[in-house]
Amino acid sequence: MEEDTQDLSLGLSQNDALFAQAGTRYFSGDAVADLTQAWIDERSAPELLPYKRILVESLIDQLEDQIEKFALQLLRKPNYDQIMSRQEIDYARRYQELIEEHNHESFLKLLPPSQHRQDERMGDIDMVVTCNMDAPVFCRFLETIGEVMLDRAGDNIYFDKGEIYLVRYGDIKKYLDAGQAQLVS
């Protein structure tokens, strides 16, 4: 009997029946359109359609990459359970445990115990990798916001419905959270 082995993933196993029977259709490269079409197809079909493995794996890979980059920061947020699903939380915890175990076995055990912590802050240096809120992003506004003073630059900008802007992520995060803007690629 073959064992159902779970890898470090968001709940998908290599021997999952749907995973094994997955279709290998190639997608257009526009994941949003492909995912939307798959959702429409599934809702409209009178049968269960083949699993869109490549599309779903691509999405899961992107989520896992984000979680891996910022696992400790995400798990420290007081509202982490509102940011991540139960599977994502479990993945982040398992990933962080593996990183800590690897670091301990690789080199931390050779250091004095006072230097074993991997989440310390020393002066201006923080050992926890955090999101770059100053990263430039393209966004489209779903409604007219009007004139806004950007936090860092002190410049005023007029955010108009339907227009696309290149701005710092931190300057428009509150509009994303409120559903007034969306990121575009």
N, C-alpha and C. Protein backbone atom coordinates (compact mmCIF):
# COMPACT_ATOMS: atom_id res chain seq x y z
N MET A 1 0.84 -1.18 0.00
CA MET A 1 0.00 0.00 0.00
C MET A 1 0.89 1.24 0.00
N GLU A 2 0.64 2.15 -0.94
CA GLU A 2 1.46 3.34 -1.05
C GLU A 2 1.02 4.37 -0.03
N GLU A 3 1.98 4.94 0.65
CA GLU A 3 1.68 5.91 1.69
C GLU A 3 1.34 7.25 1.06
N ASP A 4 0.36 7.94 1.64
CA ASP A 4 -0.04 9.26 1.16
C ASP A 4 0.87 10.29 1.80
N THR A 5 1.97 10.61 1.13
CA THR A 5 2.97 11.49 1.71
C THR A 5 2.59 12.95 1.51
N GLN A 6 2.66 13.71 2.60
CA GLN A 6 2.38 15.14 2.53
C GLN A 6 3.70 15.87 2.48
N ASP A 7 3.87 16.68 1.49
CA ASP A 7 5.07 17.50 1.45
C ASP A 7 4.76 18.80 2.19
N LEU A 8 5.73 19.68 2.27
CA LEU A 8 5.52 20.96 2.92
C LEU A 8 4.76 21.84 1.94
N SER A 9 3.45 21.67 1.89
CA SER A 9 2.62 22.45 0.98
C SER A 9 1.34 22.80 1.69
N LEU A 10 0.51 23.54 1.02
CA LEU A 10 -0.74 23.99 1.62
C LEU A 10 -1.80 22.91 1.56
N GLY A 11 -1.48 21.71 1.99
CA GLY A 11 -2.47 20.66 2.11
C GLY A 11 -2.61 19.75 0.91
N LEU A 12 -1.84 19.94 -0.14
CA LEU A 12 -1.92 19.05 -1.30
C LEU A 12 -0.89 17.94 -1.14
N SER A 13 -1.30 16.72 -1.36
CA SER A 13 -0.34 15.62 -1.29
C SER A 13 -0.07 15.11 -2.69
N GLN A 14 1.09 14.52 -2.87
CA GLN A 14 1.49 14.03 -4.19
C GLN A 14 0.60 12.90 -4.66
N ASN A 15 -0.03 12.17 -3.76
CA ASN A 15 -0.85 11.03 -4.14
C ASN A 15 -2.34 11.32 -4.10
N ASP A 16 -2.70 12.57 -3.91
CA ASP A 16 -4.10 12.95 -3.91
C ASP A 16 -4.72 12.54 -5.25
N ALA A 17 -5.90 11.94 -5.21
CA ALA A 17 -6.53 11.43 -6.43
C ALA A 17 -6.72 12.54 -7.47
N LEU A 18 -7.19 13.69 -7.04
CA LEU A 18 -7.37 14.79 -7.99
C LEU A 18 -6.03 15.28 -8.51
N PHE A 19 -5.04 15.30 -7.63
CA PHE A 19 -3.71 15.74 -8.02
C PHE A 19 -3.15 14.81 -9.10
N ALA A 20 -3.31 13.51 -8.89
CA ALA A 20 -2.79 12.52 -9.83
C ALA A 20 -3.50 12.56 -11.17
N GLN A 21 -4.80 12.89 -11.15
CA GLN A 21 -5.58 12.91 -12.39
C GLN A 21 -5.61 14.30 -13.02
N ALA A 22 -4.77 15.17 -12.54
CA ALA A 22 -4.81 16.57 -12.96
C ALA A 22 -4.60 16.72 -14.46
N GLY A 23 -5.35 17.65 -15.02
CA GLY A 23 -5.16 17.99 -16.42
C GLY A 23 -3.89 18.78 -16.58
N THR A 24 -3.29 18.72 -17.72
CA THR A 24 -2.04 19.45 -17.93
C THR A 24 -2.21 20.53 -18.98
N ARG A 25 -3.41 21.08 -19.07
CA ARG A 25 -3.68 22.15 -20.02
C ARG A 25 -2.71 23.31 -19.78
N TYR A 26 -2.21 23.88 -20.85
CA TYR A 26 -1.35 25.05 -20.72
C TYR A 26 -2.22 26.28 -20.65
N PHE A 27 -1.81 27.23 -19.84
CA PHE A 27 -2.60 28.42 -19.61
C PHE A 27 -2.00 29.61 -20.34
N SER A 28 -2.80 30.62 -20.52
CA SER A 28 -2.43 31.76 -21.34
C SER A 28 -1.34 32.63 -20.72
N GLY A 29 -1.07 32.47 -19.45
CA GLY A 29 -0.11 33.34 -18.79
C GLY A 29 -0.82 34.42 -17.99
N ASP A 30 -2.09 34.65 -18.26
CA ASP A 30 -2.89 35.59 -17.48
C ASP A 30 -3.63 34.77 -16.43
N ALA A 31 -3.00 34.59 -15.29
CA ALA A 31 -3.53 33.71 -14.25
C ALA A 31 -4.92 34.13 -13.79
N VAL A 32 -5.16 35.43 -13.71
CA VAL A 32 -6.47 35.90 -13.25
C VAL A 32 -7.55 35.48 -14.24
N ALA A 33 -7.31 35.69 -15.52
CA ALA A 33 -8.30 35.30 -16.53
C ALA A 33 -8.48 33.79 -16.55
N ASP A 34 -7.37 33.05 -16.44
CA ASP A 34 -7.45 31.59 -16.45
C ASP A 34 -8.19 31.06 -15.22
N LEU A 35 -7.90 31.64 -14.07
CA LEU A 35 -8.57 31.22 -12.84
C LEU A 35 -10.06 31.56 -12.90
N THR A 36 -10.37 32.74 -13.41
CA THR A 36 -11.77 33.14 -13.57
C THR A 36 -12.50 32.20 -14.52
N GLN A 37 -11.85 31.86 -15.64
CA GLN A 37 -12.48 30.97 -16.61
C GLN A 37 -12.68 29.57 -16.02
N ALA A 38 -11.70 29.09 -15.27
CA ALA A 38 -11.83 27.78 -14.62
C ALA A 38 -12.99 27.78 -13.63
N TRP A 39 -13.15 28.86 -12.90
CA TRP A 39 -14.25 29.00 -11.94
C TRP A 39 -15.60 29.01 -12.67
N ILE A 40 -15.69 29.76 -13.77
CA ILE A 40 -16.93 29.81 -14.57
C ILE A 40 -17.23 28.43 -15.15
N ASP A 41 -16.22 27.78 -15.71
CA ASP A 41 -16.40 26.44 -16.28
C ASP A 41 -16.92 25.48 -15.22
N GLU A 42 -16.30 25.51 -14.04
CA GLU A 42 -16.69 24.58 -12.97
C GLU A 42 -18.11 24.84 -12.49
N ARG A 43 -18.48 26.11 -12.37
CA ARG A 43 -19.84 26.45 -11.93
C ARG A 43 -20.89 26.08 -12.97
N SER A 44 -20.53 26.17 -14.23
CA SER A 44 -21.49 25.96 -15.30
C SER A 44 -21.61 24.51 -15.75
N ALA A 45 -20.59 23.72 -15.53
CA ALA A 45 -20.59 22.33 -16.00
C ALA A 45 -21.47 21.45 -15.11
N PRO A 46 -22.15 20.48 -15.71
CA PRO A 46 -22.98 19.58 -14.92
C PRO A 46 -22.17 18.46 -14.26
N GLU A 47 -20.84 18.47 -14.44
CA GLU A 47 -19.97 17.44 -13.86
C GLU A 47 -18.76 18.10 -13.24
N LEU A 48 -18.01 17.35 -12.46
CA LEU A 48 -16.76 17.83 -11.91
C LEU A 48 -15.72 17.79 -13.03
N LEU A 49 -15.14 18.94 -13.33
CA LEU A 49 -14.16 19.03 -14.41
C LEU A 49 -12.78 18.64 -13.90
N PRO A 50 -11.87 18.30 -14.83
CA PRO A 50 -10.50 17.93 -14.42
C PRO A 50 -9.84 19.08 -13.65
N TYR A 51 -9.07 18.69 -12.68
CA TYR A 51 -8.34 19.60 -11.82
C TYR A 51 -7.32 20.38 -12.65
N LYS A 52 -7.27 21.66 -12.51
CA LYS A 52 -6.35 22.53 -13.25
C LYS A 52 -5.03 22.63 -12.49
N ARG A 53 -4.29 21.55 -12.51
CA ARG A 53 -3.08 21.41 -11.69
C ARG A 53 -2.08 22.54 -11.90
N ILE A 54 -1.73 22.82 -13.14
CA ILE A 54 -0.70 23.83 -13.42
C ILE A 54 -1.13 25.20 -12.89
N LEU A 55 -2.37 25.55 -13.13
CA LEU A 55 -2.88 26.84 -12.67
C LEU A 55 -2.89 26.92 -11.15
N VAL A 56 -3.43 25.90 -10.51
CA VAL A 56 -3.53 25.90 -9.04
C VAL A 56 -2.15 25.84 -8.41
N GLU A 57 -1.26 25.01 -8.94
CA GLU A 57 0.10 24.92 -8.40
C GLU A 57 0.83 26.25 -8.53
N SER A 58 0.62 26.95 -9.64
CA SER A 58 1.24 28.24 -9.84
C SER A 58 0.78 29.23 -8.77
N LEU A 59 -0.50 29.25 -8.51
CA LEU A 59 -1.04 30.13 -7.48
C LEU A 59 -0.50 29.75 -6.10
N ILE A 60 -0.50 28.46 -5.79
CA ILE A 60 0.00 27.99 -4.50
C ILE A 60 1.49 28.31 -4.35
N ASP A 61 2.27 28.15 -5.43
CA ASP A 61 3.70 28.48 -5.38
C ASP A 61 3.90 29.96 -5.04
N GLN A 62 3.09 30.83 -5.63
CA GLN A 62 3.20 32.26 -5.34
C GLN A 62 2.88 32.54 -3.87
N LEU A 63 1.82 31.92 -3.36
CA LEU A 63 1.45 32.10 -1.96
C LEU A 63 2.56 31.58 -1.04
N GLU A 64 3.08 30.41 -1.34
CA GLU A 64 4.13 29.83 -0.52
C GLU A 64 5.39 30.69 -0.53
N ASP A 65 5.74 31.26 -1.69
CA ASP A 65 6.91 32.13 -1.77
C ASP A 65 6.74 33.34 -0.85
N GLN A 66 5.55 33.95 -0.86
CA GLN A 66 5.28 35.10 0.00
C GLN A 66 5.37 34.71 1.47
N ILE A 67 4.78 33.58 1.81
CA ILE A 67 4.80 33.12 3.20
C ILE A 67 6.23 32.83 3.64
N GLU A 68 7.02 32.18 2.79
CA GLU A 68 8.40 31.84 3.14
C GLU A 68 9.24 33.10 3.34
N LYS A 69 9.03 34.11 2.53
CA LYS A 69 9.81 35.34 2.66
C LYS A 69 9.58 36.01 4.01
N PHE A 70 8.32 36.00 4.47
CA PHE A 70 7.94 36.80 5.63
C PHE A 70 7.29 35.98 6.74
N ALA A 71 7.64 34.70 6.86
CA ALA A 71 6.96 33.80 7.81
C ALA A 71 6.94 34.35 9.23
N LEU A 72 8.09 34.71 9.75
CA LEU A 72 8.15 35.16 11.14
C LEU A 72 7.39 36.47 11.32
N GLN A 73 7.52 37.39 10.38
CA GLN A 73 6.79 38.65 10.47
C GLN A 73 5.28 38.40 10.45
N LEU A 74 4.83 37.53 9.55
CA LEU A 74 3.40 37.23 9.46
C LEU A 74 2.88 36.60 10.75
N LEU A 75 3.62 35.66 11.29
CA LEU A 75 3.18 34.97 12.51
C LEU A 75 3.19 35.87 13.74
N ARG A 76 3.94 36.94 13.70
CA ARG A 76 3.99 37.89 14.82
C ARG A 76 2.85 38.91 14.78
N LYS A 77 2.20 39.06 13.65
CA LYS A 77 1.13 40.04 13.56
C LYS A 77 -0.03 39.62 14.45
N PRO A 78 -0.61 40.56 15.20
CA PRO A 78 -1.71 40.19 16.10
C PRO A 78 -2.94 39.67 15.35
N ASN A 79 -3.10 40.08 14.11
CA ASN A 79 -4.27 39.65 13.32
C ASN A 79 -3.89 38.64 12.24
N TYR A 80 -2.83 37.85 12.48
CA TYR A 80 -2.36 36.92 11.46
C TYR A 80 -3.44 35.94 11.01
N ASP A 81 -4.37 35.61 11.90
CA ASP A 81 -5.43 34.67 11.53
C ASP A 81 -6.46 35.32 10.60
N GLN A 82 -6.41 36.63 10.45
CA GLN A 82 -7.29 37.31 9.50
C GLN A 82 -6.58 37.54 8.17
N ILE A 83 -5.26 37.45 8.19
CA ILE A 83 -4.46 37.65 6.98
C ILE A 83 -4.28 36.34 6.22
N MET A 84 -4.12 35.24 6.98
CA MET A 84 -3.84 33.95 6.37
C MET A 84 -4.94 32.94 6.70
N SER A 85 -5.10 31.98 5.80
CA SER A 85 -6.02 30.87 6.04
C SER A 85 -5.39 29.91 7.05
N ARG A 86 -6.15 28.97 7.56
CA ARG A 86 -5.64 27.97 8.49
C ARG A 86 -4.48 27.20 7.85
N GLN A 87 -4.61 26.83 6.57
CA GLN A 87 -3.55 26.09 5.89
C GLN A 87 -2.29 26.95 5.75
N GLU A 88 -2.47 28.24 5.47
CA GLU A 88 -1.32 29.13 5.34
C GLU A 88 -0.61 29.32 6.69
N ILE A 89 -1.39 29.42 7.76
CA ILE A 89 -0.81 29.54 9.10
C ILE A 89 0.00 28.30 9.43
N ASP A 90 -0.58 27.12 9.17
CA ASP A 90 0.14 25.87 9.42
C ASP A 90 1.41 25.80 8.59
N TYR A 91 1.33 26.21 7.33
CA TYR A 91 2.50 26.20 6.45
C TYR A 91 3.57 27.14 7.00
N ALA A 92 3.18 28.35 7.39
CA ALA A 92 4.14 29.33 7.92
C ALA A 92 4.81 28.80 9.18
N ARG A 93 4.02 28.20 10.07
CA ARG A 93 4.59 27.64 11.30
C ARG A 93 5.58 26.51 11.00
N ARG A 94 5.18 25.59 10.12
CA ARG A 94 6.07 24.47 9.78
C ARG A 94 7.34 24.99 9.11
N TYR A 95 7.18 25.95 8.20
CA TYR A 95 8.34 26.50 7.51
C TYR A 95 9.29 27.17 8.50
N GLN A 96 8.74 27.99 9.40
CA GLN A 96 9.58 28.69 10.38
C GLN A 96 10.29 27.70 11.30
N GLU A 97 9.58 26.64 11.71
CA GLU A 97 10.20 25.61 12.54
C GLU A 97 11.36 24.94 11.81
N LEU A 98 11.16 24.64 10.52
CA LEU A 98 12.23 24.02 9.72
C LEU A 98 13.44 24.95 9.59
N ILE A 99 13.20 26.22 9.36
CA ILE A 99 14.29 27.19 9.23
C ILE A 99 15.06 27.28 10.55
N GLU A 100 14.32 27.38 11.66
CA GLU A 100 14.99 27.48 12.96
C GLU A 100 15.79 26.22 13.27
N GLU A 101 15.22 25.06 12.98
CA GLU A 101 15.92 23.80 13.21
C GLU A 101 17.17 23.70 12.34
N HIS A 102 17.03 24.07 11.07
CA HIS A 102 18.17 24.04 10.15
C HIS A 102 19.28 24.98 10.63
N ASN A 103 18.91 26.20 10.98
CA ASN A 103 19.91 27.17 11.44
C ASN A 103 20.60 26.69 12.71
N HIS A 104 19.81 26.10 13.62
CA HIS A 104 20.41 25.61 14.86
C HIS A 104 21.41 24.49 14.57
N GLU A 105 20.99 23.53 13.74
CA GLU A 105 21.87 22.40 13.43
C GLU A 105 23.07 22.82 12.59
N SER A 106 22.91 23.83 11.75
CA SER A 106 23.99 24.26 10.86
C SER A 106 25.05 25.10 11.57
N PHE A 107 24.62 26.05 12.40
CA PHE A 107 25.62 26.93 12.98
C PHE A 107 25.27 27.51 14.35
N LEU A 108 24.00 27.67 14.68
CA LEU A 108 23.67 28.31 15.95
C LEU A 108 24.16 27.52 17.16
N LYS A 109 24.17 26.21 17.05
CA LYS A 109 24.61 25.39 18.19
C LYS A 109 26.09 25.62 18.52
N LEU A 110 26.83 26.18 17.57
CA LEU A 110 28.24 26.47 17.79
C LEU A 110 28.46 27.82 18.49
N LEU A 111 27.40 28.62 18.54
CA LEU A 111 27.49 29.95 19.15
C LEU A 111 27.07 29.88 20.62
N PRO A 112 27.42 30.89 21.40
CA PRO A 112 26.95 30.93 22.79
C PRO A 112 25.41 31.01 22.81
N PRO A 113 24.77 30.42 23.83
CA PRO A 113 23.30 30.42 23.91
C PRO A 113 22.67 31.81 23.79
N SER A 114 23.38 32.83 24.24
CA SER A 114 22.82 34.19 24.17
C SER A 114 22.67 34.67 22.72
N GLN A 115 23.28 33.96 21.77
CA GLN A 115 23.20 34.37 20.37
C GLN A 115 22.36 33.41 19.54
N HIS A 116 21.54 32.60 20.17
CA HIS A 116 20.73 31.61 19.45
C HIS A 116 19.44 32.18 18.89
N ARG A 117 18.96 33.27 19.44
CA ARG A 117 17.67 33.80 18.99
C ARG A 117 17.77 34.30 17.55
N GLN A 118 16.73 33.99 16.78
CA GLN A 118 16.73 34.38 15.37
C GLN A 118 15.75 35.51 15.10
N ASP A 119 15.22 36.08 16.17
CA ASP A 119 14.23 37.14 16.00
C ASP A 119 14.60 38.40 16.77
N GLU A 120 15.89 38.60 16.96
CA GLU A 120 16.36 39.73 17.74
C GLU A 120 16.50 40.98 16.89
N ARG A 121 16.56 42.08 17.60
CA ARG A 121 16.85 43.37 16.99
C ARG A 121 18.11 43.90 17.67
N MET A 122 19.10 44.23 16.86
CA MET A 122 20.35 44.77 17.39
C MET A 122 20.56 46.15 16.78
N GLY A 123 20.30 47.16 17.57
CA GLY A 123 20.41 48.52 17.06
C GLY A 123 19.42 48.74 15.93
N ASP A 124 19.92 49.13 14.78
CA ASP A 124 19.06 49.36 13.61
C ASP A 124 18.85 48.11 12.78
N ILE A 125 19.49 47.01 13.16
CA ILE A 125 19.40 45.78 12.37
C ILE A 125 18.37 44.85 12.99
N ASP A 126 17.37 44.50 12.21
CA ASP A 126 16.33 43.57 12.65
C ASP A 126 16.55 42.27 11.92
N MET A 127 16.62 41.17 12.65
CA MET A 127 16.87 39.87 12.03
C MET A 127 15.63 39.29 11.37
N VAL A 128 14.47 39.88 11.64
CA VAL A 128 13.22 39.41 11.04
C VAL A 128 13.04 40.12 9.70
N VAL A 129 12.92 39.34 8.63
CA VAL A 129 12.71 39.91 7.30
C VAL A 129 11.28 40.44 7.25
N THR A 130 11.14 41.70 6.85
CA THR A 130 9.81 42.32 6.79
C THR A 130 9.51 42.77 5.37
N CYS A 131 8.25 43.01 5.13
CA CYS A 131 7.78 43.47 3.82
C CYS A 131 8.31 44.88 3.56
N ASN A 132 8.65 45.16 2.33
CA ASN A 132 9.11 46.48 1.94
C ASN A 132 7.90 47.33 1.57
N MET A 133 7.43 48.10 2.53
CA MET A 133 6.24 48.92 2.29
C MET A 133 6.54 50.08 1.35
N ASP A 134 7.82 50.33 1.05
CA ASP A 134 8.19 51.38 0.10
C ASP A 134 8.34 50.85 -1.32
N ALA A 135 8.07 49.57 -1.53
CA ALA A 135 8.20 48.98 -2.87
C ALA A 135 7.24 49.69 -3.83
N PRO A 136 7.71 49.98 -5.04
CA PRO A 136 6.82 50.60 -6.02
C PRO A 136 5.83 49.59 -6.58
N VAL A 137 4.58 50.00 -6.71
CA VAL A 137 3.53 49.15 -7.27
C VAL A 137 2.68 49.96 -8.23
N PHE A 138 2.09 49.25 -9.19
CA PHE A 138 1.10 49.86 -10.06
C PHE A 138 -0.26 49.57 -9.46
N CYS A 139 -1.11 50.58 -9.40
CA CYS A 139 -2.46 50.36 -8.88
C CYS A 139 -3.47 51.15 -9.70
N ARG A 140 -4.68 50.63 -9.70
CA ARG A 140 -5.81 51.29 -10.37
C ARG A 140 -6.83 51.63 -9.29
N PHE A 141 -7.35 52.83 -9.34
CA PHE A 141 -8.37 53.23 -8.37
C PHE A 141 -9.74 52.90 -8.91
N LEU A 142 -10.55 52.30 -8.05
CA LEU A 142 -11.89 51.87 -8.41
C LEU A 142 -12.91 52.96 -8.16
N GLU A 143 -12.49 54.02 -7.50
CA GLU A 143 -13.33 55.19 -7.29
C GLU A 143 -12.42 56.40 -7.17
N THR A 144 -12.97 57.57 -7.40
CA THR A 144 -12.19 58.79 -7.28
C THR A 144 -11.98 59.08 -5.80
N ILE A 145 -10.74 59.26 -5.42
CA ILE A 145 -10.38 59.56 -4.03
C ILE A 145 -10.19 61.06 -3.87
N GLY A 146 -9.69 61.68 -4.92
CA GLY A 146 -9.39 63.10 -4.84
C GLY A 146 -7.93 63.32 -4.53
N GLU A 147 -7.63 64.53 -4.06
CA GLU A 147 -6.24 64.89 -3.79
C GLU A 147 -5.80 64.31 -2.44
N VAL A 148 -4.64 63.67 -2.46
CA VAL A 148 -4.10 63.01 -1.28
C VAL A 148 -2.64 63.43 -1.12
N MET A 149 -2.24 63.69 0.13
CA MET A 149 -0.83 63.97 0.38
C MET A 149 -0.14 62.64 0.69
N LEU A 150 0.86 62.31 -0.11
CA LEU A 150 1.60 61.07 0.11
C LEU A 150 2.46 61.21 1.36
N ASP A 151 2.49 60.15 2.16
CA ASP A 151 3.15 60.18 3.47
C ASP A 151 4.62 60.57 3.40
N ARG A 152 5.40 59.85 2.63
CA ARG A 152 6.85 60.04 2.63
C ARG A 152 7.29 61.28 1.86
N ALA A 153 6.77 61.41 0.66
CA ALA A 153 7.26 62.47 -0.22
C ALA A 153 6.69 63.84 0.15
N GLY A 154 5.53 63.85 0.77
CA GLY A 154 4.89 65.12 1.08
C GLY A 154 4.26 65.75 -0.15
N ASP A 155 4.24 65.01 -1.26
CA ASP A 155 3.64 65.51 -2.49
C ASP A 155 2.15 65.22 -2.49
N ASN A 156 1.39 66.08 -3.16
CA ASN A 156 -0.03 65.83 -3.34
C ASN A 156 -0.24 65.16 -4.69
N ILE A 157 -1.19 64.23 -4.72
CA ILE A 157 -1.54 63.56 -5.97
C ILE A 157 -3.04 63.37 -5.99
N TYR A 158 -3.62 63.49 -7.17
CA TYR A 158 -5.07 63.33 -7.34
C TYR A 158 -5.33 61.92 -7.85
N PHE A 159 -5.99 61.09 -7.03
CA PHE A 159 -6.32 59.73 -7.42
C PHE A 159 -7.71 59.73 -8.05
N ASP A 160 -7.75 59.41 -9.34
CA ASP A 160 -8.99 59.44 -10.11
C ASP A 160 -9.42 58.02 -10.48
N LYS A 161 -10.70 57.77 -10.48
CA LYS A 161 -11.26 56.46 -10.80
C LYS A 161 -10.78 55.99 -12.18
N GLY A 162 -10.33 54.73 -12.24
CA GLY A 162 -9.93 54.11 -13.51
C GLY A 162 -8.50 54.39 -13.92
N GLU A 163 -7.86 55.34 -13.30
CA GLU A 163 -6.49 55.68 -13.66
C GLU A 163 -5.50 54.74 -12.98
N ILE A 164 -4.36 54.54 -13.64
CA ILE A 164 -3.31 53.68 -13.09
C ILE A 164 -2.14 54.56 -12.65
N TYR A 165 -1.63 54.27 -11.46
CA TYR A 165 -0.56 55.06 -10.86
C TYR A 165 0.58 54.15 -10.43
N LEU A 166 1.79 54.69 -10.44
CA LEU A 166 2.96 54.01 -9.89
C LEU A 166 3.29 54.75 -8.60
N VAL A 167 3.11 54.07 -7.47
CA VAL A 167 3.29 54.69 -6.16
C VAL A 167 3.94 53.69 -5.20
N ARG A 168 4.34 54.19 -4.04
CA ARG A 168 4.84 53.30 -2.99
C ARG A 168 3.66 52.52 -2.42
N TYR A 169 3.89 51.25 -2.17
CA TYR A 169 2.83 50.38 -1.64
C TYR A 169 2.23 50.95 -0.36
N GLY A 170 3.07 51.41 0.55
CA GLY A 170 2.58 51.94 1.83
C GLY A 170 1.66 53.13 1.67
N ASP A 171 1.83 53.90 0.58
CA ASP A 171 0.99 55.08 0.36
C ASP A 171 -0.43 54.72 -0.07
N ILE A 172 -0.64 53.52 -0.61
CA ILE A 172 -1.98 53.17 -1.10
C ILE A 172 -2.58 51.96 -0.40
N LYS A 173 -1.87 51.41 0.59
CA LYS A 173 -2.36 50.21 1.28
C LYS A 173 -3.75 50.40 1.86
N LYS A 174 -4.01 51.55 2.47
CA LYS A 174 -5.33 51.77 3.08
C LYS A 174 -6.44 51.76 2.03
N TYR A 175 -6.12 52.18 0.81
CA TYR A 175 -7.13 52.16 -0.26
C TYR A 175 -7.36 50.74 -0.77
N LEU A 176 -6.29 49.93 -0.79
CA LEU A 176 -6.44 48.52 -1.14
C LEU A 176 -7.30 47.81 -0.10
N ASP A 177 -6.98 48.04 1.18
CA ASP A 177 -7.72 47.41 2.27
C ASP A 177 -9.19 47.80 2.26
N ALA A 178 -9.48 49.02 1.84
CA ALA A 178 -10.86 49.52 1.81
C ALA A 178 -11.60 49.12 0.52
N GLY A 179 -10.88 48.47 -0.41
CA GLY A 179 -11.51 48.08 -1.67
C GLY A 179 -11.67 49.23 -2.65
N GLN A 180 -10.93 50.31 -2.43
CA GLN A 180 -11.02 51.48 -3.31
C GLN A 180 -9.98 51.46 -4.42
N ALA A 181 -9.02 50.53 -4.32
CA ALA A 181 -7.97 50.41 -5.33
C ALA A 181 -7.60 48.95 -5.45
N GLN A 182 -6.92 48.63 -6.56
CA GLN A 182 -6.43 47.27 -6.77
C GLN A 182 -5.07 47.34 -7.43
N LEU A 183 -4.24 46.35 -7.15
CA LEU A 183 -2.92 46.29 -7.77
C LEU A 183 -3.06 45.72 -9.17
N VAL A 184 -2.22 46.19 -10.07
CA VAL A 184 -2.20 45.68 -11.44
C VAL A 184 -0.77 45.29 -11.76
N SER A 185 -0.62 44.33 -12.69
CA SER A 185 0.74 43.90 -13.04
C SER A 185 1.10 44.38 -14.42
